[in-house]
Amino acid sequence: MPKWGVTMEEGLLREWLKQSGDRVVEGEPLFVAETDKAEGEVESPGGGVLGEILVAAGVTVPTGTLLARLYSAEEWRGRGGAS
């Protein structure tokens, strides 16, 4: 969960905009997050394939929590994913 401000300690993962196995491009919106002060789309930090989603929509987590794994297309195929 990204930290949007110095006082932000947690955020709600409101909605995933992509699903496991979807290709993503760097900068493309991945999910919607919400805090007590703001709501917005969070962009992918890189391109590849969205792998395992580790935090479901509707869950509040501390900032810094790993929400999902992003793989290169080759890594994803090596894990048995379709490309």
N, C-alpha and C. Protein backbone atom coordinates (compact mmCIF):
# COMPACT_ATOMS: atom_id res chain seq x y z
N MET A 1 0.86 -1.18 0.00
CA MET A 1 0.00 0.00 0.00
C MET A 1 0.90 1.23 0.00
N PRO A 2 0.72 2.08 -1.01
CA PRO A 2 1.55 3.29 -1.05
C PRO A 2 1.20 4.25 0.08
N LYS A 3 2.16 5.07 0.41
CA LYS A 3 1.96 6.09 1.43
C LYS A 3 1.80 7.43 0.72
N TRP A 4 0.62 8.05 0.84
CA TRP A 4 0.32 9.29 0.13
C TRP A 4 0.66 10.54 0.91
N GLY A 5 1.00 10.41 2.18
CA GLY A 5 1.33 11.57 2.99
C GLY A 5 2.03 11.13 4.25
N VAL A 6 2.67 12.07 4.93
CA VAL A 6 3.46 11.72 6.12
C VAL A 6 2.62 11.15 7.25
N THR A 7 1.34 11.50 7.30
CA THR A 7 0.50 11.00 8.39
C THR A 7 -0.27 9.73 8.03
N MET A 8 -0.22 9.31 6.77
CA MET A 8 -0.96 8.12 6.35
C MET A 8 -0.33 6.87 6.94
N GLU A 9 -1.12 6.09 7.65
CA GLU A 9 -0.63 4.85 8.26
C GLU A 9 -1.26 3.60 7.67
N GLU A 10 -2.44 3.75 7.05
CA GLU A 10 -3.12 2.61 6.45
C GLU A 10 -4.01 3.08 5.31
N GLY A 11 -4.43 2.12 4.49
CA GLY A 11 -5.32 2.44 3.39
C GLY A 11 -6.24 1.28 3.08
N LEU A 12 -7.38 1.60 2.54
CA LEU A 12 -8.36 0.59 2.12
C LEU A 12 -8.16 0.31 0.65
N LEU A 13 -7.97 -0.95 0.30
CA LEU A 13 -7.91 -1.34 -1.11
C LEU A 13 -9.37 -1.50 -1.54
N ARG A 14 -9.88 -0.48 -2.19
CA ARG A 14 -11.31 -0.45 -2.52
C ARG A 14 -11.66 -1.41 -3.65
N GLU A 15 -10.84 -1.40 -4.74
CA GLU A 15 -11.20 -2.19 -5.92
C GLU A 15 -9.96 -2.48 -6.76
N TRP A 16 -9.83 -3.72 -7.22
CA TRP A 16 -8.81 -4.07 -8.20
C TRP A 16 -9.35 -3.72 -9.58
N LEU A 17 -8.55 -3.05 -10.41
CA LEU A 17 -8.92 -2.70 -11.77
C LEU A 17 -8.39 -3.73 -12.77
N LYS A 18 -7.49 -4.57 -12.33
CA LYS A 18 -6.92 -5.66 -13.12
C LYS A 18 -7.05 -6.95 -12.33
N GLN A 19 -6.95 -8.08 -13.03
CA GLN A 19 -7.02 -9.38 -12.38
C GLN A 19 -5.73 -10.14 -12.59
N SER A 20 -5.51 -11.13 -11.76
CA SER A 20 -4.32 -11.98 -11.88
C SER A 20 -4.26 -12.54 -13.30
N GLY A 21 -3.09 -12.43 -13.92
CA GLY A 21 -2.89 -12.91 -15.28
C GLY A 21 -3.03 -11.82 -16.33
N ASP A 22 -3.54 -10.65 -15.94
CA ASP A 22 -3.68 -9.54 -16.89
C ASP A 22 -2.33 -8.89 -17.16
N ARG A 23 -2.11 -8.53 -18.41
CA ARG A 23 -0.92 -7.74 -18.76
C ARG A 23 -1.15 -6.31 -18.29
N VAL A 24 -0.09 -5.69 -17.80
CA VAL A 24 -0.17 -4.29 -17.37
C VAL A 24 1.01 -3.52 -17.94
N VAL A 25 0.79 -2.24 -18.12
CA VAL A 25 1.80 -1.32 -18.62
C VAL A 25 2.18 -0.38 -17.49
N GLU A 26 3.44 -0.03 -17.39
CA GLU A 26 3.88 0.92 -16.37
C GLU A 26 3.02 2.18 -16.44
N GLY A 27 2.52 2.62 -15.29
CA GLY A 27 1.71 3.82 -15.22
C GLY A 27 0.22 3.58 -15.38
N GLU A 28 -0.16 2.36 -15.76
CA GLU A 28 -1.57 2.02 -15.92
C GLU A 28 -2.22 1.82 -14.55
N PRO A 29 -3.44 2.29 -14.34
CA PRO A 29 -4.10 2.10 -13.04
C PRO A 29 -4.31 0.62 -12.72
N LEU A 30 -3.90 0.21 -11.50
CA LEU A 30 -4.05 -1.18 -11.04
C LEU A 30 -5.20 -1.36 -10.06
N PHE A 31 -5.33 -0.42 -9.15
CA PHE A 31 -6.37 -0.54 -8.14
C PHE A 31 -6.77 0.83 -7.62
N VAL A 32 -7.87 0.87 -6.89
CA VAL A 32 -8.35 2.09 -6.26
C VAL A 32 -8.12 1.94 -4.76
N ALA A 33 -7.49 2.94 -4.17
CA ALA A 33 -7.23 2.94 -2.73
C ALA A 33 -7.95 4.13 -2.10
N GLU A 34 -8.22 4.00 -0.81
CA GLU A 34 -8.92 5.05 -0.08
C GLU A 34 -8.31 5.21 1.30
N THR A 35 -8.21 6.46 1.72
CA THR A 35 -7.79 6.78 3.08
C THR A 35 -8.90 7.61 3.71
N ASP A 36 -8.67 8.05 4.93
CA ASP A 36 -9.68 8.91 5.57
C ASP A 36 -9.74 10.29 4.90
N LYS A 37 -8.75 10.62 4.06
CA LYS A 37 -8.70 11.94 3.43
C LYS A 37 -8.79 11.94 1.92
N ALA A 38 -8.56 10.81 1.27
CA ALA A 38 -8.50 10.80 -0.20
C ALA A 38 -8.85 9.42 -0.75
N GLU A 39 -9.21 9.43 -2.03
CA GLU A 39 -9.43 8.19 -2.78
C GLU A 39 -8.84 8.40 -4.16
N GLY A 40 -8.19 7.37 -4.72
CA GLY A 40 -7.64 7.53 -6.05
C GLY A 40 -7.11 6.23 -6.61
N GLU A 41 -6.85 6.25 -7.91
CA GLU A 41 -6.27 5.10 -8.59
C GLU A 41 -4.77 5.07 -8.33
N VAL A 42 -4.26 3.85 -8.16
CA VAL A 42 -2.82 3.65 -7.97
C VAL A 42 -2.28 2.99 -9.22
N GLU A 43 -1.22 3.57 -9.78
CA GLU A 43 -0.64 3.10 -11.03
C GLU A 43 0.37 1.99 -10.82
N SER A 44 0.52 1.17 -11.84
CA SER A 44 1.51 0.10 -11.81
C SER A 44 2.92 0.69 -11.81
N PRO A 45 3.79 0.16 -10.95
CA PRO A 45 5.17 0.66 -10.91
C PRO A 45 6.01 0.17 -12.07
N GLY A 46 5.50 -0.79 -12.83
CA GLY A 46 6.24 -1.33 -13.97
C GLY A 46 5.31 -2.10 -14.87
N GLY A 47 5.85 -2.58 -15.98
CA GLY A 47 5.06 -3.37 -16.91
C GLY A 47 5.28 -4.85 -16.71
N GLY A 48 4.35 -5.65 -17.18
CA GLY A 48 4.48 -7.10 -17.07
C GLY A 48 3.12 -7.75 -16.94
N VAL A 49 3.06 -8.76 -16.09
CA VAL A 49 1.82 -9.50 -15.85
C VAL A 49 1.51 -9.43 -14.36
N LEU A 50 0.27 -9.07 -14.04
CA LEU A 50 -0.14 -9.06 -12.64
C LEU A 50 -0.27 -10.51 -12.18
N GLY A 51 0.55 -10.88 -11.23
CA GLY A 51 0.55 -12.25 -10.72
C GLY A 51 -0.43 -12.42 -9.58
N GLU A 52 0.05 -13.01 -8.50
CA GLU A 52 -0.82 -13.26 -7.36
C GLU A 52 -1.26 -11.97 -6.70
N ILE A 53 -2.56 -11.86 -6.47
CA ILE A 53 -3.11 -10.76 -5.70
C ILE A 53 -3.10 -11.21 -4.24
N LEU A 54 -2.39 -10.49 -3.40
CA LEU A 54 -2.18 -10.90 -2.01
C LEU A 54 -3.16 -10.28 -1.04
N VAL A 55 -3.80 -9.17 -1.44
CA VAL A 55 -4.76 -8.48 -0.58
C VAL A 55 -6.04 -8.28 -1.40
N ALA A 56 -7.14 -8.77 -0.87
CA ALA A 56 -8.42 -8.68 -1.56
C ALA A 56 -9.01 -7.27 -1.47
N ALA A 57 -9.87 -6.94 -2.40
CA ALA A 57 -10.60 -5.67 -2.35
C ALA A 57 -11.44 -5.66 -1.08
N GLY A 58 -11.54 -4.47 -0.48
CA GLY A 58 -12.33 -4.32 0.73
C GLY A 58 -11.54 -4.46 2.02
N VAL A 59 -10.23 -4.69 1.90
CA VAL A 59 -9.38 -4.90 3.07
C VAL A 59 -8.53 -3.66 3.33
N THR A 60 -8.43 -3.27 4.59
CA THR A 60 -7.58 -2.15 5.02
C THR A 60 -6.26 -2.73 5.51
N VAL A 61 -5.15 -2.16 5.02
CA VAL A 61 -3.82 -2.65 5.38
C VAL A 61 -2.90 -1.48 5.71
N PRO A 62 -1.83 -1.72 6.48
CA PRO A 62 -0.85 -0.67 6.76
C PRO A 62 -0.10 -0.26 5.48
N THR A 63 0.36 0.98 5.44
CA THR A 63 1.18 1.41 4.31
C THR A 63 2.42 0.53 4.25
N GLY A 64 2.89 0.30 3.04
CA GLY A 64 4.05 -0.55 2.84
C GLY A 64 3.71 -2.02 2.64
N THR A 65 2.45 -2.41 2.83
CA THR A 65 2.03 -3.80 2.66
C THR A 65 2.11 -4.19 1.18
N LEU A 66 2.68 -5.36 0.90
CA LEU A 66 2.72 -5.89 -0.46
C LEU A 66 1.33 -6.36 -0.83
N LEU A 67 0.79 -5.82 -1.93
CA LEU A 67 -0.59 -6.10 -2.33
C LEU A 67 -0.69 -7.17 -3.41
N ALA A 68 0.32 -7.25 -4.27
CA ALA A 68 0.31 -8.21 -5.39
C ALA A 68 1.74 -8.34 -5.91
N ARG A 69 1.93 -9.32 -6.75
CA ARG A 69 3.24 -9.52 -7.38
C ARG A 69 3.12 -9.24 -8.87
N LEU A 70 4.13 -8.58 -9.41
CA LEU A 70 4.20 -8.24 -10.82
C LEU A 70 5.35 -9.03 -11.43
N TYR A 71 5.08 -9.76 -12.52
CA TYR A 71 6.08 -10.60 -13.17
C TYR A 71 6.32 -10.14 -14.60
N SER A 72 7.51 -10.44 -15.10
CA SER A 72 7.73 -10.28 -16.54
C SER A 72 6.93 -11.40 -17.22
N ALA A 73 6.67 -11.26 -18.51
CA ALA A 73 5.93 -12.29 -19.24
C ALA A 73 6.65 -13.63 -19.15
N GLU A 74 7.99 -13.62 -19.23
CA GLU A 74 8.76 -14.86 -19.14
C GLU A 74 8.62 -15.51 -17.77
N GLU A 75 8.72 -14.71 -16.70
CA GLU A 75 8.56 -15.24 -15.35
C GLU A 75 7.16 -15.84 -15.17
N TRP A 76 6.14 -15.15 -15.69
CA TRP A 76 4.77 -15.62 -15.54
C TRP A 76 4.57 -16.95 -16.24
N ARG A 77 5.09 -17.09 -17.48
CA ARG A 77 5.00 -18.35 -18.19
C ARG A 77 5.73 -19.46 -17.42
N GLY A 78 6.88 -19.12 -16.85
CA GLY A 78 7.64 -20.09 -16.08
C GLY A 78 6.92 -20.56 -14.83
N ARG A 79 5.98 -19.78 -14.35
CA ARG A 79 5.18 -20.14 -13.18
C ARG A 79 3.90 -20.88 -13.59
N GLY A 80 3.76 -21.12 -14.91
CA GLY A 80 2.59 -21.84 -15.38
C GLY A 80 1.44 -20.97 -15.83
N GLY A 81 1.67 -19.65 -15.90
CA GLY A 81 0.62 -18.74 -16.33
C GLY A 81 0.55 -18.66 -17.84
N ALA A 82 -0.63 -18.38 -18.36
CA ALA A 82 -0.80 -18.17 -19.79
C ALA A 82 -0.32 -16.78 -20.15
N SER A 83 0.19 -16.61 -21.35
CA SER A 83 0.67 -15.29 -21.76
C SER A 83 -0.21 -14.61 -22.74
